Amino acid sequence: MEHHEVYQRITSILDGEEDWVTAMATVVCELHNAFDHYHWTGFYRTTSPGVLKIGPYQGGHGCLVIPFDKGICGAAARTGETQDVPDVHARTEHIACSSSTNSEVVVPVKNSSGDVVAVLDVDSDQEAAFSKADIQLVEQICEWLGREYHSFEKPSS
């Protein structure tokens, strides 16, 4: 399936949907099943200041909790910038939630205030698995989620 078709499918399915968890679960399902090289696909949600918790996701077990100051997901949450990691073994801060992961892309989801409310993490067992089109698709989805689900604010302390 083409990347633009996946984006259109996701936004069409979620048209009018107001529940954030339903939206995240649908995004994960669609992405995970659209591309063979997406071996783990999931969200980590900001549940308290500086803390990400897993879910929804598809694939094997992920890390349950990731602080903003740890790992690639934490880096995306902390910096608010996409993390494209063609070789996870080259990044010393990588947390090996799965020993088979060789590459990953993590994109922040920001609310209307610019706060990171979640990150979307896609992992592959292949090295350098994610193309520019893959990264653009995940970024486009995360930007759309941030706009559509703007009422979801970053948790307060």
N, C-alpha and C. Protein backbone atom coordinates (compact mmCIF):
# COMPACT_ATOMS: atom_id res chain seq x y z
N MET A 1 0.85 -1.18 0.00
CA MET A 1 0.00 0.00 0.00
C MET A 1 0.90 1.25 0.00
N GLU A 2 0.50 2.24 -0.72
CA GLU A 2 1.25 3.49 -0.80
C GLU A 2 1.08 4.30 0.48
N HIS A 3 2.08 5.09 0.80
CA HIS A 3 2.06 5.90 2.02
C HIS A 3 0.87 6.86 2.07
N HIS A 4 0.58 7.52 0.96
CA HIS A 4 -0.54 8.47 0.96
C HIS A 4 -1.87 7.74 1.15
N GLU A 5 -1.95 6.50 0.66
CA GLU A 5 -3.18 5.71 0.85
C GLU A 5 -3.36 5.36 2.33
N VAL A 6 -2.26 5.05 3.01
CA VAL A 6 -2.34 4.72 4.43
C VAL A 6 -2.82 5.94 5.21
N TYR A 7 -2.25 7.11 4.90
CA TYR A 7 -2.67 8.33 5.58
C TYR A 7 -4.15 8.60 5.34
N GLN A 8 -4.60 8.49 4.10
CA GLN A 8 -6.01 8.72 3.77
C GLN A 8 -6.91 7.72 4.49
N ARG A 9 -6.47 6.49 4.56
CA ARG A 9 -7.27 5.46 5.24
C ARG A 9 -7.41 5.78 6.73
N ILE A 10 -6.31 6.13 7.37
CA ILE A 10 -6.33 6.44 8.81
C ILE A 10 -7.24 7.63 9.08
N THR A 11 -7.06 8.72 8.34
CA THR A 11 -7.85 9.92 8.60
C THR A 11 -9.32 9.70 8.26
N SER A 12 -9.59 8.86 7.27
CA SER A 12 -10.97 8.55 6.92
C SER A 12 -11.64 7.71 8.00
N ILE A 13 -10.96 6.68 8.47
CA ILE A 13 -11.51 5.82 9.52
C ILE A 13 -11.80 6.63 10.78
N LEU A 14 -10.90 7.57 11.10
CA LEU A 14 -11.02 8.33 12.35
C LEU A 14 -11.83 9.61 12.22
N ASP A 15 -12.40 9.86 11.04
CA ASP A 15 -13.21 11.06 10.84
C ASP A 15 -14.37 11.08 11.83
N GLY A 16 -14.40 12.07 12.69
CA GLY A 16 -15.47 12.21 13.68
C GLY A 16 -15.21 11.48 14.99
N GLU A 17 -14.16 10.67 15.06
CA GLU A 17 -13.83 9.95 16.29
C GLU A 17 -13.23 10.93 17.30
N GLU A 18 -13.71 10.88 18.52
CA GLU A 18 -13.27 11.82 19.54
C GLU A 18 -12.41 11.20 20.63
N ASP A 19 -12.33 9.88 20.66
CA ASP A 19 -11.59 9.23 21.74
C ASP A 19 -10.12 9.05 21.35
N TRP A 20 -9.24 9.58 22.19
CA TRP A 20 -7.80 9.57 21.95
C TRP A 20 -7.24 8.15 21.90
N VAL A 21 -7.66 7.27 22.80
CA VAL A 21 -7.14 5.90 22.82
C VAL A 21 -7.59 5.15 21.57
N THR A 22 -8.83 5.34 21.17
CA THR A 22 -9.33 4.73 19.95
C THR A 22 -8.51 5.19 18.75
N ALA A 23 -8.21 6.47 18.70
CA ALA A 23 -7.42 7.02 17.60
C ALA A 23 -6.02 6.40 17.59
N MET A 24 -5.36 6.34 18.75
CA MET A 24 -4.02 5.77 18.81
C MET A 24 -4.03 4.29 18.40
N ALA A 25 -4.98 3.54 18.90
CA ALA A 25 -5.07 2.11 18.58
C ALA A 25 -5.29 1.90 17.09
N THR A 26 -6.11 2.73 16.48
CA THR A 26 -6.39 2.62 15.05
C THR A 26 -5.15 2.96 14.22
N VAL A 27 -4.45 4.02 14.59
CA VAL A 27 -3.22 4.41 13.89
C VAL A 27 -2.22 3.26 13.94
N VAL A 28 -2.01 2.70 15.13
CA VAL A 28 -1.04 1.62 15.31
C VAL A 28 -1.43 0.42 14.46
N CYS A 29 -2.68 0.03 14.49
CA CYS A 29 -3.15 -1.12 13.73
C CYS A 29 -2.92 -0.91 12.24
N GLU A 30 -3.31 0.24 11.74
CA GLU A 30 -3.17 0.51 10.31
C GLU A 30 -1.72 0.55 9.87
N LEU A 31 -0.86 1.24 10.61
CA LEU A 31 0.55 1.31 10.25
C LEU A 31 1.22 -0.06 10.33
N HIS A 32 0.97 -0.75 11.42
CA HIS A 32 1.63 -2.03 11.67
C HIS A 32 1.30 -3.05 10.58
N ASN A 33 0.08 -3.01 10.09
CA ASN A 33 -0.36 -3.98 9.09
C ASN A 33 -0.14 -3.53 7.65
N ALA A 34 0.20 -2.27 7.45
CA ALA A 34 0.39 -1.76 6.09
C ALA A 34 1.77 -2.07 5.53
N PHE A 35 2.76 -2.20 6.40
CA PHE A 35 4.14 -2.34 5.95
C PHE A 35 4.83 -3.51 6.65
N ASP A 36 5.43 -4.40 5.86
CA ASP A 36 6.08 -5.59 6.42
C ASP A 36 7.28 -5.27 7.30
N HIS A 37 7.92 -4.14 7.08
CA HIS A 37 9.13 -3.83 7.86
C HIS A 37 8.82 -3.12 9.18
N TYR A 38 7.55 -2.85 9.48
CA TYR A 38 7.16 -2.29 10.78
C TYR A 38 6.94 -3.47 11.72
N HIS A 39 7.96 -3.83 12.49
CA HIS A 39 7.87 -5.01 13.35
C HIS A 39 7.32 -4.70 14.74
N TRP A 40 7.43 -3.45 15.17
CA TRP A 40 6.82 -3.00 16.42
C TRP A 40 6.34 -1.58 16.18
N THR A 41 5.09 -1.33 16.49
CA THR A 41 4.49 -0.04 16.21
C THR A 41 3.67 0.36 17.43
N GLY A 42 3.98 1.51 18.01
CA GLY A 42 3.20 1.87 19.19
C GLY A 42 3.44 3.27 19.70
N PHE A 43 2.55 3.65 20.57
CA PHE A 43 2.64 4.95 21.23
C PHE A 43 3.18 4.78 22.64
N TYR A 44 3.91 5.78 23.07
CA TYR A 44 4.24 5.99 24.47
C TYR A 44 3.60 7.32 24.82
N ARG A 45 2.75 7.32 25.84
CA ARG A 45 1.99 8.51 26.23
C ARG A 45 2.66 9.22 27.39
N THR A 46 2.64 10.56 27.37
CA THR A 46 3.12 11.34 28.50
C THR A 46 2.05 11.24 29.58
N THR A 47 2.38 10.52 30.67
CA THR A 47 1.39 10.29 31.73
C THR A 47 1.63 11.16 32.95
N SER A 48 2.83 11.67 33.09
CA SER A 48 3.18 12.63 34.13
C SER A 48 4.40 13.38 33.62
N PRO A 49 4.75 14.50 34.21
CA PRO A 49 5.88 15.27 33.69
C PRO A 49 7.15 14.43 33.58
N GLY A 50 7.71 14.39 32.37
CA GLY A 50 8.96 13.68 32.14
C GLY A 50 8.86 12.18 32.08
N VAL A 51 7.63 11.63 31.95
CA VAL A 51 7.45 10.18 31.95
C VAL A 51 6.53 9.73 30.82
N LEU A 52 7.01 8.74 30.07
CA LEU A 52 6.21 8.10 29.02
C LEU A 52 5.81 6.71 29.49
N LYS A 53 4.55 6.32 29.19
CA LYS A 53 4.09 4.95 29.45
C LYS A 53 3.55 4.37 28.15
N ILE A 54 3.70 3.07 28.03
CA ILE A 54 3.37 2.37 26.80
C ILE A 54 1.87 2.30 26.53
N GLY A 55 1.55 2.30 25.25
CA GLY A 55 0.22 1.94 24.78
C GLY A 55 -0.52 3.02 24.07
N PRO A 56 -1.34 2.56 23.12
CA PRO A 56 -1.50 1.24 22.51
C PRO A 56 -0.31 0.90 21.59
N TYR A 57 -0.14 -0.41 21.35
CA TYR A 57 0.94 -0.86 20.48
C TYR A 57 0.61 -2.22 19.88
N GLN A 58 1.37 -2.59 18.84
CA GLN A 58 1.30 -3.92 18.25
C GLN A 58 2.70 -4.43 18.05
N GLY A 59 2.89 -5.71 18.29
CA GLY A 59 4.20 -6.34 18.23
C GLY A 59 4.46 -6.99 19.58
N GLY A 60 5.70 -7.36 19.82
CA GLY A 60 6.06 -7.96 21.11
C GLY A 60 5.98 -6.93 22.23
N HIS A 61 6.28 -7.38 23.44
CA HIS A 61 6.25 -6.46 24.58
C HIS A 61 7.23 -5.32 24.39
N GLY A 62 6.82 -4.14 24.80
CA GLY A 62 7.70 -2.98 24.80
C GLY A 62 8.06 -2.63 26.23
N CYS A 63 8.90 -1.64 26.38
CA CYS A 63 9.21 -1.13 27.72
C CYS A 63 7.95 -0.49 28.28
N LEU A 64 7.67 -0.69 29.55
CA LEU A 64 6.44 -0.16 30.13
C LEU A 64 6.53 1.33 30.44
N VAL A 65 7.70 1.76 30.93
CA VAL A 65 7.90 3.16 31.32
C VAL A 65 9.22 3.64 30.75
N ILE A 66 9.22 4.83 30.15
CA ILE A 66 10.46 5.43 29.65
C ILE A 66 10.52 6.89 30.11
N PRO A 67 11.50 7.24 30.92
CA PRO A 67 11.67 8.64 31.31
C PRO A 67 12.14 9.46 30.09
N PHE A 68 11.79 10.74 30.07
CA PHE A 68 12.20 11.62 28.98
C PHE A 68 13.72 11.65 28.82
N ASP A 69 14.47 11.38 29.88
CA ASP A 69 15.93 11.46 29.79
C ASP A 69 16.58 10.13 29.43
N LYS A 70 15.79 9.15 28.97
CA LYS A 70 16.33 7.84 28.60
C LYS A 70 15.84 7.45 27.20
N GLY A 71 16.72 6.81 26.46
CA GLY A 71 16.33 6.18 25.20
C GLY A 71 15.98 7.13 24.07
N ILE A 72 15.65 6.52 22.94
CA ILE A 72 15.30 7.26 21.73
C ILE A 72 13.90 7.88 21.89
N CYS A 73 12.98 7.15 22.50
CA CYS A 73 11.63 7.69 22.75
C CYS A 73 11.71 8.88 23.69
N GLY A 74 12.53 8.76 24.71
CA GLY A 74 12.73 9.88 25.62
C GLY A 74 13.33 11.08 24.92
N ALA A 75 14.27 10.84 23.99
CA ALA A 75 14.88 11.94 23.24
C ALA A 75 13.84 12.66 22.38
N ALA A 76 12.95 11.91 21.75
CA ALA A 76 11.89 12.53 20.93
C ALA A 76 10.96 13.36 21.81
N ALA A 77 10.63 12.83 22.99
CA ALA A 77 9.74 13.55 23.91
C ALA A 77 10.43 14.79 24.47
N ARG A 78 11.70 14.65 24.83
CA ARG A 78 12.45 15.75 25.45
C ARG A 78 12.72 16.89 24.47
N THR A 79 13.11 16.54 23.23
CA THR A 79 13.49 17.55 22.23
C THR A 79 12.31 18.01 21.40
N GLY A 80 11.25 17.20 21.34
CA GLY A 80 10.13 17.52 20.47
C GLY A 80 10.46 17.34 19.00
N GLU A 81 11.50 16.55 18.72
CA GLU A 81 11.95 16.35 17.34
C GLU A 81 11.98 14.88 16.99
N THR A 82 11.72 14.60 15.70
CA THR A 82 11.78 13.23 15.19
C THR A 82 13.17 12.65 15.38
N GLN A 83 13.20 11.40 15.80
CA GLN A 83 14.44 10.66 15.94
C GLN A 83 14.46 9.55 14.88
N ASP A 84 15.33 9.69 13.89
CA ASP A 84 15.50 8.68 12.83
C ASP A 84 16.79 7.94 13.14
N VAL A 85 16.66 6.66 13.49
CA VAL A 85 17.82 5.89 13.93
C VAL A 85 17.98 4.65 13.04
N PRO A 86 18.80 4.76 11.98
CA PRO A 86 18.97 3.63 11.07
C PRO A 86 19.70 2.44 11.70
N ASP A 87 20.49 2.69 12.75
CA ASP A 87 21.20 1.63 13.46
C ASP A 87 21.13 1.93 14.96
N VAL A 88 20.22 1.25 15.64
CA VAL A 88 20.03 1.52 17.07
C VAL A 88 21.27 1.20 17.90
N HIS A 89 22.11 0.31 17.39
CA HIS A 89 23.31 -0.08 18.14
C HIS A 89 24.37 1.02 18.13
N ALA A 90 24.22 1.99 17.25
CA ALA A 90 25.15 3.12 17.18
C ALA A 90 24.78 4.23 18.16
N ARG A 91 23.61 4.13 18.77
CA ARG A 91 23.16 5.15 19.73
C ARG A 91 23.26 4.57 21.14
N THR A 92 24.19 5.10 21.93
CA THR A 92 24.43 4.55 23.26
C THR A 92 23.22 4.64 24.17
N GLU A 93 22.35 5.64 23.94
CA GLU A 93 21.18 5.80 24.81
C GLU A 93 20.02 4.88 24.45
N HIS A 94 20.14 4.11 23.36
CA HIS A 94 19.06 3.22 22.95
C HIS A 94 18.74 2.22 24.05
N ILE A 95 17.45 2.06 24.35
CA ILE A 95 16.98 1.06 25.31
C ILE A 95 16.51 -0.15 24.51
N ALA A 96 17.10 -1.29 24.75
CA ALA A 96 16.76 -2.49 23.99
C ALA A 96 15.54 -3.16 24.60
N CYS A 97 14.35 -2.65 24.28
CA CYS A 97 13.11 -3.30 24.75
C CYS A 97 12.95 -4.63 24.03
N SER A 98 13.44 -4.71 22.79
CA SER A 98 13.44 -5.95 22.03
C SER A 98 14.83 -6.14 21.46
N SER A 99 15.41 -7.31 21.67
CA SER A 99 16.78 -7.56 21.21
C SER A 99 16.86 -7.66 19.68
N SER A 100 15.72 -7.84 19.01
CA SER A 100 15.74 -7.97 17.55
C SER A 100 15.68 -6.63 16.82
N THR A 101 15.37 -5.54 17.51
CA THR A 101 15.26 -4.24 16.86
C THR A 101 16.61 -3.75 16.37
N ASN A 102 16.66 -3.32 15.10
CA ASN A 102 17.89 -2.78 14.52
C ASN A 102 17.75 -1.33 14.08
N SER A 103 16.54 -0.88 13.79
CA SER A 103 16.33 0.52 13.41
C SER A 103 14.98 0.98 13.93
N GLU A 104 14.87 2.31 14.11
CA GLU A 104 13.59 2.84 14.59
C GLU A 104 13.46 4.31 14.23
N VAL A 105 12.20 4.74 14.22
CA VAL A 105 11.85 6.14 14.05
C VAL A 105 10.85 6.47 15.15
N VAL A 106 11.10 7.59 15.84
CA VAL A 106 10.19 8.03 16.90
C VAL A 106 9.82 9.47 16.62
N VAL A 107 8.50 9.73 16.59
CA VAL A 107 7.98 11.06 16.26
C VAL A 107 7.10 11.55 17.40
N PRO A 108 7.33 12.78 17.87
CA PRO A 108 6.48 13.33 18.93
C PRO A 108 5.10 13.75 18.41
N VAL A 109 4.11 13.63 19.29
CA VAL A 109 2.77 14.17 19.05
C VAL A 109 2.63 15.35 20.00
N LYS A 110 2.39 16.53 19.43
CA LYS A 110 2.29 17.75 20.25
C LYS A 110 0.87 18.28 20.24
N ASN A 111 0.42 18.75 21.42
CA ASN A 111 -0.90 19.37 21.50
C ASN A 111 -0.83 20.81 20.99
N SER A 112 -1.92 21.51 21.08
CA SER A 112 -1.99 22.88 20.55
C SER A 112 -1.05 23.85 21.27
N SER A 113 -0.62 23.49 22.46
CA SER A 113 0.33 24.34 23.20
C SER A 113 1.78 23.98 22.90
N GLY A 114 1.98 22.96 22.08
CA GLY A 114 3.33 22.53 21.74
C GLY A 114 3.92 21.52 22.70
N ASP A 115 3.12 21.07 23.69
CA ASP A 115 3.59 20.06 24.64
C ASP A 115 3.56 18.68 23.99
N VAL A 116 4.54 17.86 24.27
CA VAL A 116 4.57 16.49 23.76
C VAL A 116 3.63 15.65 24.63
N VAL A 117 2.53 15.18 24.02
CA VAL A 117 1.55 14.37 24.75
C VAL A 117 1.77 12.88 24.53
N ALA A 118 2.57 12.55 23.50
CA ALA A 118 2.88 11.15 23.20
C ALA A 118 4.00 11.13 22.17
N VAL A 119 4.56 9.94 21.97
CA VAL A 119 5.46 9.72 20.85
C VAL A 119 4.98 8.46 20.14
N LEU A 120 5.16 8.44 18.82
CA LEU A 120 4.83 7.26 18.03
C LEU A 120 6.16 6.62 17.63
N ASP A 121 6.34 5.38 18.00
CA ASP A 121 7.58 4.64 17.81
C ASP A 121 7.34 3.52 16.82
N VAL A 122 8.13 3.47 15.74
CA VAL A 122 8.08 2.35 14.80
C VAL A 122 9.46 1.73 14.77
N ASP A 123 9.51 0.42 14.98
CA ASP A 123 10.76 -0.32 15.03
C ASP A 123 10.79 -1.37 13.93
N SER A 124 12.01 -1.71 13.51
CA SER A 124 12.18 -2.76 12.53
C SER A 124 13.35 -3.65 12.92
N ASP A 125 13.26 -4.92 12.57
CA ASP A 125 14.35 -5.85 12.78
C ASP A 125 15.43 -5.67 11.71
N GLN A 126 15.09 -4.93 10.65
CA GLN A 126 16.05 -4.65 9.57
C GLN A 126 16.83 -3.38 9.89
N GLU A 127 18.08 -3.32 9.45
CA GLU A 127 18.86 -2.09 9.61
C GLU A 127 18.40 -1.08 8.56
N ALA A 128 18.41 0.19 8.93
CA ALA A 128 18.05 1.29 8.02
C ALA A 128 16.76 0.98 7.25
N ALA A 129 15.76 0.51 7.95
CA ALA A 129 14.53 0.02 7.32
C ALA A 129 13.60 1.13 6.85
N PHE A 130 13.70 2.32 7.45
CA PHE A 130 12.69 3.34 7.22
C PHE A 130 13.14 4.38 6.19
N SER A 131 12.33 4.52 5.15
CA SER A 131 12.61 5.46 4.07
C SER A 131 12.15 6.87 4.46
N LYS A 132 12.52 7.84 3.64
CA LYS A 132 12.02 9.20 3.85
C LYS A 132 10.51 9.22 3.80
N ALA A 133 9.92 8.41 2.93
CA ALA A 133 8.45 8.34 2.83
C ALA A 133 7.84 7.79 4.11
N ASP A 134 8.49 6.79 4.73
CA ASP A 134 8.01 6.26 6.01
C ASP A 134 8.02 7.35 7.07
N ILE A 135 9.14 8.07 7.16
CA ILE A 135 9.29 9.11 8.17
C ILE A 135 8.27 10.23 7.94
N GLN A 136 8.11 10.65 6.69
CA GLN A 136 7.13 11.69 6.39
C GLN A 136 5.72 11.25 6.75
N LEU A 137 5.39 9.99 6.49
CA LEU A 137 4.06 9.48 6.83
C LEU A 137 3.83 9.54 8.34
N VAL A 138 4.77 9.04 9.12
CA VAL A 138 4.60 9.03 10.57
C VAL A 138 4.54 10.47 11.11
N GLU A 139 5.36 11.36 10.57
CA GLU A 139 5.30 12.77 10.99
C GLU A 139 3.95 13.39 10.63
N GLN A 140 3.46 13.09 9.44
CA GLN A 140 2.17 13.64 9.00
C GLN A 140 1.04 13.15 9.91
N ILE A 141 1.07 11.88 10.25
CA ILE A 141 0.05 11.31 11.15
C ILE A 141 0.13 11.97 12.52
N CYS A 142 1.34 12.15 13.05
CA CYS A 142 1.49 12.74 14.38
C CYS A 142 1.05 14.21 14.39
N GLU A 143 1.35 14.94 13.33
CA GLU A 143 0.88 16.33 13.22
C GLU A 143 -0.64 16.36 13.18
N TRP A 144 -1.24 15.46 12.41
CA TRP A 144 -2.70 15.38 12.30
C TRP A 144 -3.32 15.04 13.66
N LEU A 145 -2.73 14.07 14.35
CA LEU A 145 -3.25 13.70 15.67
C LEU A 145 -3.19 14.89 16.63
N GLY A 146 -2.09 15.63 16.60
CA GLY A 146 -1.94 16.79 17.46
C GLY A 146 -3.00 17.85 17.20
N ARG A 147 -3.37 18.02 15.94
CA ARG A 147 -4.42 18.98 15.57
C ARG A 147 -5.81 18.45 15.93
N GLU A 148 -6.07 17.20 15.59
CA GLU A 148 -7.39 16.61 15.79
C GLU A 148 -7.72 16.39 17.26
N TYR A 149 -6.72 16.06 18.03
CA TYR A 149 -6.94 15.71 19.43
C TYR A 149 -6.30 16.76 20.33
N HIS A 150 -6.46 18.02 19.92
CA HIS A 150 -5.85 19.16 20.61
C HIS A 150 -6.35 19.34 22.03
N SER A 151 -7.47 18.75 22.35
CA SER A 151 -8.02 18.92 23.71
C SER A 151 -7.27 18.08 24.74
N PHE A 152 -6.40 17.17 24.25
CA PHE A 152 -5.65 16.35 25.19
C PHE A 152 -4.42 17.10 25.61
N GLU A 153 -4.42 17.51 26.85
CA GLU A 153 -3.33 18.33 27.38
C GLU A 153 -2.30 17.47 28.08
N LYS A 154 -1.13 18.01 28.20
CA LYS A 154 -0.06 17.33 28.93
C LYS A 154 -0.48 17.24 30.40
N PRO A 155 -0.29 16.06 31.00
CA PRO A 155 -0.69 15.92 32.42
C PRO A 155 0.04 16.92 33.31
N SER A 156 -0.66 17.38 34.31
CA SER A 156 -0.02 18.31 35.27
C SER A 156 0.63 17.51 36.38
N SER A 157 1.52 18.16 37.10
CA SER A 157 2.26 17.45 38.15
C SER A 157 1.44 17.34 39.42
